[in-house]
Structure formats: C-alpha cells, structure tokens
C-alpha atoms as a PDB file:
ATOM      1  CA  MET A   1     -26.019-113.495-133.526  1.00  0.00           C
ATOM      2  CA  THR A   2     -27.525-113.400-130.032  1.00  0.00           C
ATOM      3  CA  LEU A   3     -25.639-114.833-127.051  1.00  0.00           C
ATOM      4  CA  GLU A   4     -27.221-115.394-123.668  1.00  0.00           C
ATOM      5  CA  HIS A   5     -25.360-116.528-120.563  1.00  0.00           C
ATOM      6  CA  ARG A   6     -27.640-118.089-118.011  1.00  0.00           C
ATOM      7  CA  TRP A   7     -25.236-118.198-115.036  1.00  0.00           C
ATOM      8  CA  THR A   8     -24.286-114.518-114.943  1.00  0.00           C
ATOM      9  CA  GLY A   9     -27.947-113.605-115.142  1.00  0.00           C
ATOM     10  CA  ALA A  10     -28.535-115.624-111.971  1.00  0.00           C
ATOM     11  CA  ILE A  11     -25.842-113.921-109.872  1.00  0.00           C
ATOM     12  CA  SER A  12     -27.528-111.677-107.343  1.00  0.00           C
ATOM     13  CA  GLN A  13     -24.335-110.559-105.592  1.00  0.00           C
ATOM     14  CA  LEU A  14     -20.674-110.638-106.586  1.00  0.00           C
ATOM     15  CA  ASP A  15     -17.836-109.504-104.311  1.00  0.00           C
ATOM     16  CA  LEU A  16     -14.118-109.447-105.128  1.00  0.00           C
ATOM     17  CA  ALA A  17     -11.358-108.826-102.598  1.00  0.00           C
ATOM     18  CA  SER A  18      -7.615-109.382-102.390  1.00  0.00           C
ATOM     19  CA  GLY A  19      -4.961-108.643 -99.836  1.00  0.00           C
ATOM     20  CA  VAL A  20      -2.608-109.951 -97.191  1.00  0.00           C
ATOM     21  CA  LEU A  21      -3.846-111.458 -93.946  1.00  0.00           C
ATOM     22  CA  GLN A  22      -1.614-111.884 -90.923  1.00  0.00           C
ATOM     23  CA  GLN A  23      -2.474-113.176 -87.468  1.00  0.00           C
ATOM     24  CA  PRO A  24       0.576-112.630 -85.238  1.00  0.00           C
ATOM     25  CA  ASP A  25      -0.915-114.602 -82.353  1.00  0.00           C
ATOM     26  CA  GLY A  26      -1.906-117.593 -84.451  1.00  0.00           C
ATOM     27  CA  ASP A  27      -5.396-117.665 -82.911  1.00  0.00           C
ATOM     28  CA  TRP A  28      -8.577-119.089 -84.372  1.00  0.00           C
ATOM     29  CA  VAL A  29     -10.836-116.434 -85.891  1.00  0.00           C
ATOM     30  CA  ASP A  30     -14.586-116.971 -86.267  1.00  0.00           C
ATOM     31  CA  GLU A  31     -16.161-116.353 -89.669  1.00  0.00           C
ATOM     32  CA  GLN A  32     -19.786-116.194 -90.728  1.00  0.00           C
ATOM     33  CA  LEU A  33     -20.565-118.037 -93.956  1.00  0.00           C
ATOM     34  CA  HIS A  34     -23.559-116.773 -95.880  1.00  0.00           C
ATOM     35  CA  HIS A  35     -25.629-118.587 -98.472  1.00  0.00           C
ATOM     36  CA  GLY A  36     -23.695-118.881-101.711  1.00  0.00           C
ATOM     37  CA  THR A  37     -20.287-119.839-103.046  1.00  0.00           C
ATOM     38  CA  LYS A  38     -16.929-118.461-101.983  1.00  0.00           C
ATOM     39  CA  VAL A  39     -13.708-119.001-103.912  1.00  0.00           C
ATOM     40  CA  VAL A  40     -10.445-118.246-102.123  1.00  0.00           C
ATOM     41  CA  VAL A  41      -7.179-118.423-104.044  1.00  0.00           C
ATOM     42  CA  ILE A  42      -4.286-118.663-101.598  1.00  0.00           C
ATOM     43  CA  LEU A  43      -1.231-117.490-103.500  1.00  0.00           C
ATOM     44  CA  ARG A  44       1.251-117.661-100.627  1.00  0.00           C
ATOM     45  CA  GLY A  45       0.979-118.607 -96.997  1.00  0.00           C
ATOM     46  CA  ALA A  46      -0.792-121.355 -95.096  1.00  0.00           C
ATOM     47  CA  MET A  47      -3.870-121.694 -92.941  1.00  0.00           C
ATOM     48  CA  ARG A  48      -6.157-124.128 -91.156  1.00  0.00           C
ATOM     49  CA  ALA A  49      -9.926-124.030 -91.488  1.00  0.00           C
ATOM     50  CA  ARG A  50     -12.953-125.563 -89.827  1.00  0.00           C
ATOM     51  CA  ILE A  51     -16.506-125.386 -91.116  1.00  0.00           C
ATOM     52  CA  ASP A  52     -19.645-126.392 -89.247  1.00  0.00           C
ATOM     53  CA  GLY A  53     -21.003-129.558 -90.785  1.00  0.00           C
ATOM     54  CA  CYS A  54     -17.587-130.777 -91.988  1.00  0.00           C
ATOM     55  CA  VAL A  55     -15.924-133.492 -89.944  1.00  0.00           C
ATOM     56  CA  SER A  56     -12.385-132.709 -91.079  1.00  0.00           C
ATOM     57  CA  GLU A  57     -10.156-129.786 -90.246  1.00  0.00           C
ATOM     58  CA  PHE A  58      -8.530-128.517 -93.412  1.00  0.00           C
ATOM     59  CA  SER A  59      -4.812-127.681 -93.630  1.00  0.00           C
ATOM     60  CA  ILE A  60      -4.169-125.541 -96.689  1.00  0.00           C
ATOM     61  CA  ALA A  61      -0.975-124.072 -98.150  1.00  0.00           C
ATOM     62  CA  GLY A  62      -0.659-121.924-101.250  1.00  0.00           C
ATOM     63  CA  PRO A  63      -0.828-121.941-104.167  1.00  0.00           C
ATOM     64  CA  THR A  64      -4.264-123.446-103.586  1.00  0.00           C
ATOM     65  CA  VAL A  65      -7.814-122.701-104.661  1.00  0.00           C
ATOM     66  CA  CYS A  66     -10.553-123.319-102.101  1.00  0.00           C
ATOM     67  CA  VAL A  67     -14.194-123.499-103.113  1.00  0.00           C
ATOM     68  CA  ILE A  68     -16.629-123.209-100.228  1.00  0.00           C
ATOM     69  CA  ARG A  69     -20.327-123.696-100.787  1.00  0.00           C
ATOM     70  CA  SER A  70     -22.866-122.931 -98.094  1.00  0.00           C
ATOM     71  CA  PRO A  71     -26.490-123.796 -98.939  1.00  0.00           C
ATOM     72  CA  ALA A  72     -27.562-121.762 -95.898  1.00  0.00           C
ATOM     73  CA  ASP A  73     -25.949-119.462 -93.364  1.00  0.00           C
ATOM     74  CA  ALA A  74     -23.277-121.283 -91.354  1.00  0.00           C
ATOM     75  CA  SER A  75     -20.160-120.556 -89.366  1.00  0.00           C
ATOM     76  CA  GLY A  76     -16.518-121.494 -89.597  1.00  0.00           C
ATOM     77  CA  ARG A  77     -13.124-120.756 -88.097  1.00  0.00           C
ATOM     78  CA  GLN A  78      -9.729-120.088 -89.603  1.00  0.00           C
ATOM     79  CA  MET A  79      -6.171-119.766 -88.378  1.00  0.00           C
ATOM     80  CA  VAL A  80      -3.367-118.244 -90.432  1.00  0.00           C
ATOM     81  CA  THR A  81       0.152-119.500 -89.774  1.00  0.00           C
ATOM     82  CA  ALA A  82       1.575-116.966 -87.326  1.00  0.00           C
ATOM     83  CA  ASP A  83       4.974-116.444 -88.972  1.00  0.00           C
ATOM     84  CA  GLU A  84       3.799-116.206 -92.591  1.00  0.00           C
ATOM     85  CA  PRO A  85       1.323-113.709 -94.093  1.00  0.00           C
ATOM     86  CA  LEU A  86      -1.472-115.128 -96.224  1.00  0.00           C
ATOM     87  CA  HIS A  87      -1.709-113.606 -99.722  1.00  0.00           C
ATOM     88  CA  TYR A  88      -5.158-114.225-101.127  1.00  0.00           C
ATOM     89  CA  VAL A  89      -7.814-113.332-103.682  1.00  0.00           C
ATOM     90  CA  MET A  90     -11.443-113.983-102.769  1.00  0.00           C
ATOM     91  CA  VAL A  91     -14.668-114.016-104.766  1.00  0.00           C
ATOM     92  CA  LYS A  92     -18.082-114.370-103.149  1.00  0.00           C
ATOM     93  CA  ALA A  93     -21.092-115.128-105.321  1.00  0.00           C
ATOM     94  CA  ALA A  94     -24.733-115.427-104.335  1.00  0.00           C
ATOM     95  CA  PHE A  95     -27.121-116.926-106.856  1.00  0.00           C
ATOM     96  CA  SER A  96     -30.775-116.009-107.241  1.00  0.00           C
ATOM     97  CA  PRO A  97     -33.200-118.606-105.893  1.00  0.00           C
ATOM     98  CA  GLY A  98     -35.467-120.177-108.437  1.00  0.00           C
ATOM     99  CA  GLY A  99     -35.707-123.052-110.854  1.00  0.00           C
ATOM    100  CA  GLU A 100     -33.129-125.141-112.651  1.00  0.00           C
ATOM    101  CA  ALA A 101     -31.971-122.238-114.806  1.00  0.00           C
ATOM    102  CA  GLU A 102     -31.158-120.044-111.847  1.00  0.00           C
ATOM    103  CA  ARG A 103     -29.449-122.387-109.405  1.00  0.00           C
ATOM    104  CA  ASP A 104     -25.830-122.177-108.310  1.00  0.00           C
ATOM    105  CA  PRO A 105     -23.836-123.945-111.075  1.00  0.00           C
ATOM    106  CA  LEU A 106     -21.519-125.464-108.451  1.00  0.00           C
ATOM    107  CA  THR A 107     -24.373-127.399-106.817  1.00  0.00           C
ATOM    108  CA  PRO A 108     -23.741-130.695-108.687  1.00  0.00           C
ATOM    109  CA  LEU A 109     -20.110-130.799-107.516  1.00  0.00           C
ATOM    110  CA  PHE A 110     -20.940-130.909-103.832  1.00  0.00           C
ATOM    111  CA  CYS A 111     -23.921-133.277-103.705  1.00  0.00           C
ATOM    112  CA  THR A 112     -24.885-132.234-100.185  1.00  0.00           C
ATOM    113  CA  ASP A 113     -27.135-129.750 -98.480  1.00  0.00           C
ATOM    114  CA  ARG A 114     -24.477-129.019 -95.851  1.00  0.00           C
ATOM    115  CA  PRO A 115     -21.570-126.544 -96.016  1.00  0.00           C
ATOM    116  CA  SER A 116     -18.708-128.071 -98.005  1.00  0.00           C
ATOM    117  CA  LEU A 117     -15.140-127.200 -98.914  1.00  0.00           C
ATOM    118  CA  HIS A 118     -13.003-128.414-101.796  1.00  0.00           C
ATOM    119  CA  HIS A 119      -9.349-127.414-102.089  1.00  0.00           C
ATOM    120  CA  ILE A 120      -6.832-128.347-104.740  1.00  0.00           C
ATOM    121  CA  GLU A 121      -3.704-126.911-106.307  1.00  0.00           C
ATOM    122  CA  ALA A 122      -4.466-123.591-107.965  1.00  0.00           C
ATOM    123  CA  PRO A 123      -3.956-123.971-111.734  1.00  0.00           C
ATOM    124  CA  ARG A 124      -1.304-121.743-113.249  1.00  0.00           C
ATOM    125  CA  ALA A 125      -3.904-119.915-115.306  1.00  0.00           C
ATOM    126  CA  LEU A 126      -5.778-119.042-112.123  1.00  0.00           C
ATOM    127  CA  GLN A 127      -2.624-117.813-110.395  1.00  0.00           C
ATOM    128  CA  ALA A 128      -1.786-115.669-113.415  1.00  0.00           C
ATOM    129  CA  LEU A 129      -5.298-114.232-113.450  1.00  0.00           C
ATOM    130  CA  CYS A 130      -4.988-113.241-109.791  1.00  0.00           C
ATOM    131  CA  SER A 131      -1.689-111.511-110.555  1.00  0.00           C
ATOM    132  CA  GLN A 132      -3.441-109.400-113.182  1.00  0.00           C
ATOM    133  CA  LEU A 133      -5.734-107.923-110.533  1.00  0.00           C
ATOM    134  CA  GLU A 134      -2.802-105.949-109.121  1.00  0.00           C
ATOM    135  CA  VAL A 135      -2.820-103.655-112.136  1.00  0.00           C
ATOM    136  CA  CYS A 136      -6.183-102.417-113.440  1.00  0.00           C
ATOM    137  CA  PRO A 137      -5.820-100.086-116.449  1.00  0.00           C
ATOM    138  CA  PHE A 138      -9.289 -98.563-116.014  1.00  0.00           C
ATOM    139  CA  VAL A 139     -11.108 -96.154-113.718  1.00  0.00           C
ATOM    140  CA  GLY A 140     -14.743 -95.515-112.876  1.00  0.00           C
ATOM    141  CA  ALA A 141     -17.411 -97.668-114.485  1.00  0.00           C
ATOM    142  CA  ALA A 142     -14.877 -99.342-116.772  1.00  0.00           C
ATOM    143  CA  ARG A 143     -12.918-100.442-113.695  1.00  0.00           C
ATOM    144  CA  ASP A 144     -16.065-101.936-112.162  1.00  0.00           C
ATOM    145  CA  LEU A 145     -16.754-103.900-115.343  1.00  0.00           C
ATOM    146  CA  PHE A 146     -13.130-105.057-115.574  1.00  0.00           C
ATOM    147  CA  LEU A 147     -13.077-106.346-111.984  1.00  0.00           C
ATOM    148  CA  SER A 148     -16.514-107.945-112.295  1.00  0.00           C
ATOM    149  CA  ALA A 149     -15.345-109.793-115.397  1.00  0.00           C
ATOM    150  CA  LYS A 150     -12.199-110.978-113.616  1.00  0.00           C
ATOM    151  CA  ALA A 151     -14.272-112.155-110.643  1.00  0.00           C
ATOM    152  CA  ILE A 152     -16.488-114.240-112.922  1.00  0.00           C
ATOM    153  CA  GLU A 153     -13.417-115.605-114.704  1.00  0.00           C
ATOM    154  CA  ILE A 154     -11.985-116.658-111.335  1.00  0.00           C
ATOM    155  CA  LEU A 155     -15.250-118.469-110.582  1.00  0.00           C
ATOM    156  CA  ALA A 156     -15.077-120.225-113.958  1.00  0.00           C
ATOM    157  CA  LEU A 157     -11.478-121.374-113.533  1.00  0.00           C
ATOM    158  CA  ALA A 158     -12.168-122.537-109.974  1.00  0.00           C
ATOM    159  CA  TYR A 159     -15.249-124.440-111.142  1.00  0.00           C
ATOM    160  CA  ASP A 160     -13.238-126.114-113.893  1.00  0.00           C
ATOM    161  CA  ALA A 161     -10.434-127.080-111.501  1.00  0.00           C
ATOM    162  CA  VAL A 162     -12.786-128.553-108.904  1.00  0.00           C
ATOM    163  CA  ASP A 163     -14.797-130.336-111.570  1.00  0.00           C
ATOM    164  CA  ALA A 164     -11.622-131.975-112.876  1.00  0.00           C
ATOM    165  CA  ASN A 165     -10.437-133.040-109.445  1.00  0.00           C
ATOM    166  CA  SER A 166     -12.986-133.366-106.675  1.00  0.00           C
ATOM    167  CA  ALA A 167     -10.578-134.699-104.052  1.00  0.00           C
ATOM    168  CA  ILE A 168     -11.149-132.888-100.775  1.00  0.00           C
ATOM    169  CA  GLU A 169      -8.015-133.835 -98.869  1.00  0.00           C
ATOM    170  CA  THR A 170      -4.604-135.113 -99.900  1.00  0.00           C
ATOM    171  CA  LEU A 171      -1.965-136.880 -97.844  1.00  0.00           C
ATOM    172  CA  ARG A 172       0.531-134.439 -96.424  1.00  0.00           C
ATOM    173  CA  PRO A 173       3.980-134.702 -94.849  1.00  0.00           C
ATOM    174  CA  SER A 174       4.518-134.633 -91.086  1.00  0.00           C
ATOM    175  CA  LEU A 175       4.183-131.308 -89.294  1.00  0.00           C
ATOM    176  CA  GLY A 176       7.948-131.138 -88.811  1.00  0.00           C
ATOM    177  CA  ASP A 177       8.611-131.727 -92.488  1.00  0.00           C
ATOM    178  CA  VAL A 178       5.961-129.169 -93.459  1.00  0.00           C
ATOM    179  CA  GLU A 179       7.866-126.527 -91.504  1.00  0.00           C
ATOM    180  CA  ARG A 180      11.074-127.486 -93.330  1.00  0.00           C
ATOM    181  CA  LEU A 181       9.262-127.388 -96.660  1.00  0.00           C
ATOM    182  CA  LYS A 182       7.875-123.947 -95.876  1.00  0.00           C
ATOM    183  CA  LYS A 183      11.413-122.817 -95.099  1.00  0.00           C
ATOM    184  CA  ALA A 184      12.559-124.205 -98.459  1.00  0.00           C
ATOM    185  CA  ARG A 185       9.785-122.316-100.207  1.00  0.00           C
ATOM    186  CA  ALA A 186      10.770-119.106 -98.412  1.00  0.00           C
ATOM    187  CA  ILE A 187      14.395-119.542 -99.504  1.00  0.00           C
ATOM    188  CA  LEU A 188      13.298-119.868-103.119  1.00  0.00           C
ATOM    189  CA  LEU A 189      11.173-116.716-102.888  1.00  0.00           C
ATOM    190  CA  GLU A 190      14.052-114.781-101.321  1.00  0.00           C
ATOM    191  CA  ARG A 191      16.528-115.898-103.985  1.00  0.00           C
ATOM    192  CA  LEU A 192      14.560-115.811-107.231  1.00  0.00           C
ATOM    193  CA  GLY A 193      17.519-114.375-109.109  1.00  0.00           C
ATOM    194  CA  ALA A 194      19.987-117.035-107.969  1.00  0.00           C
ATOM    195  CA  PRO A 195      18.176-119.951-106.322  1.00  0.00           C
ATOM    196  CA  PRO A 196      20.050-122.922-104.818  1.00  0.00           C
ATOM    197  CA  ASN A 197      19.958-126.254-106.632  1.00  0.00           C
ATOM    198  CA  LEU A 198      17.924-129.118-105.179  1.00  0.00           C
ATOM    199  CA  PRO A 199      20.714-130.759-103.120  1.00  0.00           C
ATOM    200  CA  ALA A 200      21.763-127.400-101.637  1.00  0.00           C
ATOM    201  CA  LEU A 201      18.168-126.454-100.863  1.00  0.00           C
ATOM    202  CA  ALA A 202      17.490-129.819 -99.242  1.00  0.00           C
ATOM    203  CA  ALA A 203      20.618-129.519 -97.096  1.00  0.00           C
ATOM    204  CA  ALA A 204      19.682-125.980 -96.056  1.00  0.00           C
ATOM    205  CA  VAL A 205      16.386-127.151 -94.546  1.00  0.00           C
ATOM    206  CA  GLY A 206      17.522-130.504 -93.135  1.00  0.00           C
ATOM    207  CA  LEU A 207      15.907-132.843 -95.669  1.00  0.00           C
ATOM    208  CA  ASN A 208      17.275-135.219 -98.252  1.00  0.00           C
ATOM    209  CA  THR A 209      16.542-134.475-101.897  1.00  0.00           C
ATOM    210  CA  ARG A 210      13.861-137.174-102.194  1.00  0.00           C
ATOM    211  CA  LYS A 211      11.969-135.882 -99.156  1.00  0.00           C
ATOM    212  CA  LEU A 212      12.233-132.341-100.445  1.00  0.00           C
ATOM    213  CA  THR A 213      10.862-133.104-103.902  1.00  0.00           C
ATOM    214  CA  ASP A 214       8.129-135.547-102.818  1.00  0.00           C
ATOM    215  CA  GLY A 215       7.145-133.477 -99.785  1.00  0.00           C
ATOM    216  CA  PHE A 216       7.038-130.215-101.735  1.00  0.00           C
ATOM    217  CA  GLN A 217       4.658-131.772-104.255  1.00  0.00           C
ATOM    218  CA  ALA A 218       2.415-133.177-101.499  1.00  0.00           C
ATOM    219  CA  ALA A 219       2.377-130.027 -99.362  1.00  0.00           C
ATOM    220  CA  PHE A 220       2.053-127.375-102.049  1.00  0.00           C
ATOM    221  CA  GLY A 221       0.615-129.243-105.023  1.00  0.00           C
ATOM    222  CA  THR A 222       3.489-128.428-107.372  1.00  0.00           C
ATOM    223  CA  THR A 223       7.099-129.402-108.002  1.00  0.00           C
ATOM    224  CA  VAL A 224      10.010-127.317-106.751  1.00  0.00           C
ATOM    225  CA  ASN A 225      10.977-126.341-110.294  1.00  0.00           C
ATOM    226  CA  ASP A 226       7.428-125.441-111.328  1.00  0.00           C
ATOM    227  CA  PHE A 227       6.955-123.385-108.164  1.00  0.00           C
ATOM    228  CA  LEU A 228      10.206-121.530-108.793  1.00  0.00           C
ATOM    229  CA  GLN A 229       9.314-120.747-112.395  1.00  0.00           C
ATOM    230  CA  ASP A 230       5.828-119.570-111.414  1.00  0.00           C
ATOM    231  CA  ALA A 231       7.243-117.347-108.666  1.00  0.00           C
ATOM    232  CA  ARG A 232       9.835-115.865-111.027  1.00  0.00           C
ATOM    233  CA  LEU A 233       7.299-115.092-113.731  1.00  0.00           C
ATOM    234  CA  ASN A 234       4.755-113.643-111.299  1.00  0.00           C
ATOM    235  CA  GLU A 235       7.424-111.374-109.826  1.00  0.00           C
ATOM    236  CA  ALA A 236       8.514-110.318-113.308  1.00  0.00           C
ATOM    237  CA  TYR A 237       4.892-109.560-114.225  1.00  0.00           C
ATOM    238  CA  ARG A 238       4.579-107.421-111.103  1.00  0.00           C
ATOM    239  CA  LEU A 239       7.793-105.516-111.842  1.00  0.00           C
ATOM    240  CA  LEU A 240       6.882-104.825-115.460  1.00  0.00           C
ATOM    241  CA  SER A 241       3.238-103.916-114.875  1.00  0.00           C
ATOM    242  CA  SER A 242       4.199-101.471-112.127  1.00  0.00           C
ATOM    243  CA  GLY A 243       6.685 -99.717-114.410  1.00  0.00           C
ATOM    244  CA  ALA A 244       9.534-100.399-111.990  1.00  0.00           C
ATOM    245  CA  THR A 245      11.875-101.992-114.555  1.00  0.00           C
ATOM    246  CA  ASN A 246      12.463-102.623-118.228  1.00  0.00           C
ATOM    247  CA  VAL A 247      12.401-106.119-119.749  1.00  0.00           C
ATOM    248  CA  SER A 248      16.137-106.783-119.422  1.00  0.00           C
ATOM    249  CA  GLU A 249      16.230-105.695-115.784  1.00  0.00           C
ATOM    250  CA  ALA A 250      13.143-107.748-114.915  1.00  0.00           C
ATOM    251  CA  ALA A 251      14.694-110.820-116.554  1.00  0.00           C
ATOM    252  CA  HIS A 252      17.934-110.304-114.632  1.00  0.00           C
ATOM    253  CA  ARG A 253      16.157-109.865-111.302  1.00  0.00           C
ATOM    254  CA  VAL A 254      14.367-113.181-111.598  1.00  0.00           C
ATOM    255  CA  GLY A 255      17.343-115.109-112.963  1.00  0.00           C
ATOM    256  CA  TYR A 256      16.596-115.391-116.691  1.00  0.00           C
ATOM    257  CA  THR A 257      18.424-114.331-119.823  1.00  0.00           C
ATOM    258  CA  PRO A 258      16.320-111.793-121.778  1.00  0.00           C
ATOM    259  CA  ALA A 259      15.725-114.132-124.734  1.00  0.00           C
ATOM    260  CA  TYR A 260      14.615-117.096-122.628  1.00  0.00           C
ATOM    261  CA  PHE A 261      12.611-114.820-120.352  1.00  0.00           C
ATOM    262  CA  SER A 262      10.578-113.465-123.271  1.00  0.00           C
ATOM    263  CA  ALA A 263       9.785-116.997-124.449  1.00  0.00           C
ATOM    264  CA  VAL A 264       8.628-118.379-121.088  1.00  0.00           C
ATOM    265  CA  PHE A 265       6.754-115.168-120.247  1.00  0.00           C
ATOM    266  CA  ARG A 266       4.768-115.343-123.478  1.00  0.00           C
ATOM    267  CA  LYS A 267       4.057-119.032-122.930  1.00  0.00           C
ATOM    268  CA  ARG A 268       2.776-118.339-119.403  1.00  0.00           C
ATOM    269  CA  PHE A 269       0.775-115.131-119.865  1.00  0.00           C
ATOM    270  CA  GLY A 270       0.045-115.152-123.597  1.00  0.00           C
ATOM    271  CA  ILE A 271       1.642-111.739-124.136  1.00  0.00           C
ATOM    272  CA  SER A 272       5.127-110.345-124.668  1.00  0.00           C
ATOM    273  CA  PRO A 273       6.840-108.717-121.656  1.00  0.00           C
ATOM    274  CA  ARG A 274       7.072-105.519-123.714  1.00  0.00           C
ATOM    275  CA  ASP A 275       3.272-105.388-123.910  1.00  0.00           C
ATOM    276  CA  LEU A 276       3.254-104.382-120.235  1.00  0.00           C
ATOM    277  CA  LEU A 277       5.530-101.381-120.710  1.00  0.00           C
END
C-alpha cells in the first residue's frame, strides 16, 4: 500500500522551540512575523499581544494554544506578565507557494489576507504532547526526525482545535479578579500534593467560590479541578521521565494514591507510569 501526505510535502520550513520567557520590566517587545503559520502553546503564564492588521489587543493566559497566520511579512508586539514566567512551545511552519495542493492548510480557517490570530484553550492532548518534548529518547538524526514529527503533530492538534472552535476572543473577568485568579492558580501549582479545597482557595485569594469557579473557567479555559489534575499529571510525567522518582513517590508528591494514580495516568497519557522508568 502506498501512502502520500500532501501537507508535509508542502512544508518548506519547520521550526520547533520551547522554553521559558520572562520580562522583568513588563515592557512591550517588538516581533517580526514572517510569511507562514506559527503555533504557540502557552502552558503557564500570561501575556498580551498586538498584531498589525488586527483591531483587538489579545490577552492570553495558559494553558492556551495560539495560531497566528501571516500571509505576508508583518510585525507585532508582545508583553509577558512581569511577575510570572511564560512557559511555551512554539512551532513555525512555512508552506511552499503553488497551487491548491501546496497551500497552507490553515488558510480556510482565517478567511482573510491579513495577519490573524486565533486563541483557545489548549486541549489536554496538546498539553500532554508538549510535555513529551522535555524528554527525547533519541540522538542525532533520529532525534531530528522525532522532533520534526512532534512539531507536525502539534500543528495537527492546533489545526483541529481551531477548526472546532474558531472564536477569537472570549469574555474575561475584570483585571482585579484576573490577578486573584492567577494567585489561585499559583497556589494550586505550589501545593499539588495537598491542595486547598474550593472554599479555602477562594478565601485565600479574596473571592467567593462562585467567582473563583466561573472566573477560573473564563480566564484559563478550564475548571479548577481539571487544571489541578492536569498539573498533577504533567508534574508526575516530568518526575518519572527524568528518573527522579519511582511510581509510588511520584504519586505521593502529586497527591494521589498509587493505584488511582496509575489509572488516571494511563487514561491521560495512554501508557502506564512504569513505562517511563
């Protein structure tokens, strides 16, 4: 059987990068946007972005996937929240010019010849995929192939997410409440092993429980409980894949019993925790 994949054949350039970005002064930073598509998965942190040709200023908080398409060279600006580092994974793809078979597959989603940005909650599968980039089991040419495949998979998941939900902006809480919600999120990340319950967390940041739950969903695109479970499992994945702990210790550190931990880990990542040892 012969299998041909038209999109990958049309990619003329593919770049993958990940890291932590921090701007202590909270200043705007200019950025040059080149022809093509850029996918940015913001895992943690928050930022504001402006793009020439877009009327709106975008306020974005992780976990979020941003898909930026620039039909031609353009410019933009970004500002990372001063007191919170931005953890990100970025894929840039340029597609060969030509006919219908070679065009950028994201073109139909944007329906404009101007620079455009879509941002929505990053699906769990996409967040998990980004976590896998931290540990590459290969070296040399095999490593290049592995990372190229992951970059294309990130593009595919981002495309699917944007295709399913093309909303560009969502209603967000007030700036004051956003700061309280960010504090609540930080508390959860600091106390993965023994997190506070919803009433205690709400009281700690000066919100009532309703404002905490509704605001958290609006600001970060996920519920408090789902965010906590995702953060626990991602941290456990990191601990196990780095060889820092065994399964029981990893489960304890993120607040799970070993039996329950194995079940939710397999459901999330599709593998047993022991497969990472």
